Amino acid sequence: MNFKKFVSFDSMITPVIIKVIFWIGLIASAIFGLISIFSGLAIMFSGYGSGGEGFIVFIGGLATIVIGALLTRVYCELLIIFFKMHESLNKINEKLDRLDK
């Protein structure tokens, strides 16, 4: 990576960070979903709640895993779209600069 491009913000490092955010989001969704699933099972089979409440928490845990992963993916894709647009605009600008010379 050229240091001059890095300092002048011509090259973006955020797309790499977005990939890390995606994996962190997936892991967080899985952890929170698993916590909810086990909590739901504990509520269902303990004397501290009813089976219906536990089942709702269990289903909420499954939904957290699926919907959390989906929303994380959509969010990261939207962020990447902005950076792809930036790259495309830079390429267009470079081509126009070459035509002007």
Foldseek 3Di string as FASTA:
>chain_A
DDVVCVVVVVDDPVLVVLVVQLVVQLVVLLVQLVVQLVQLVCQPPDPPHHNVVSVVSNVVSVCSNVVSNVVSVVVSVVVVVVVVVSVVVVVVVVVVVVVVD
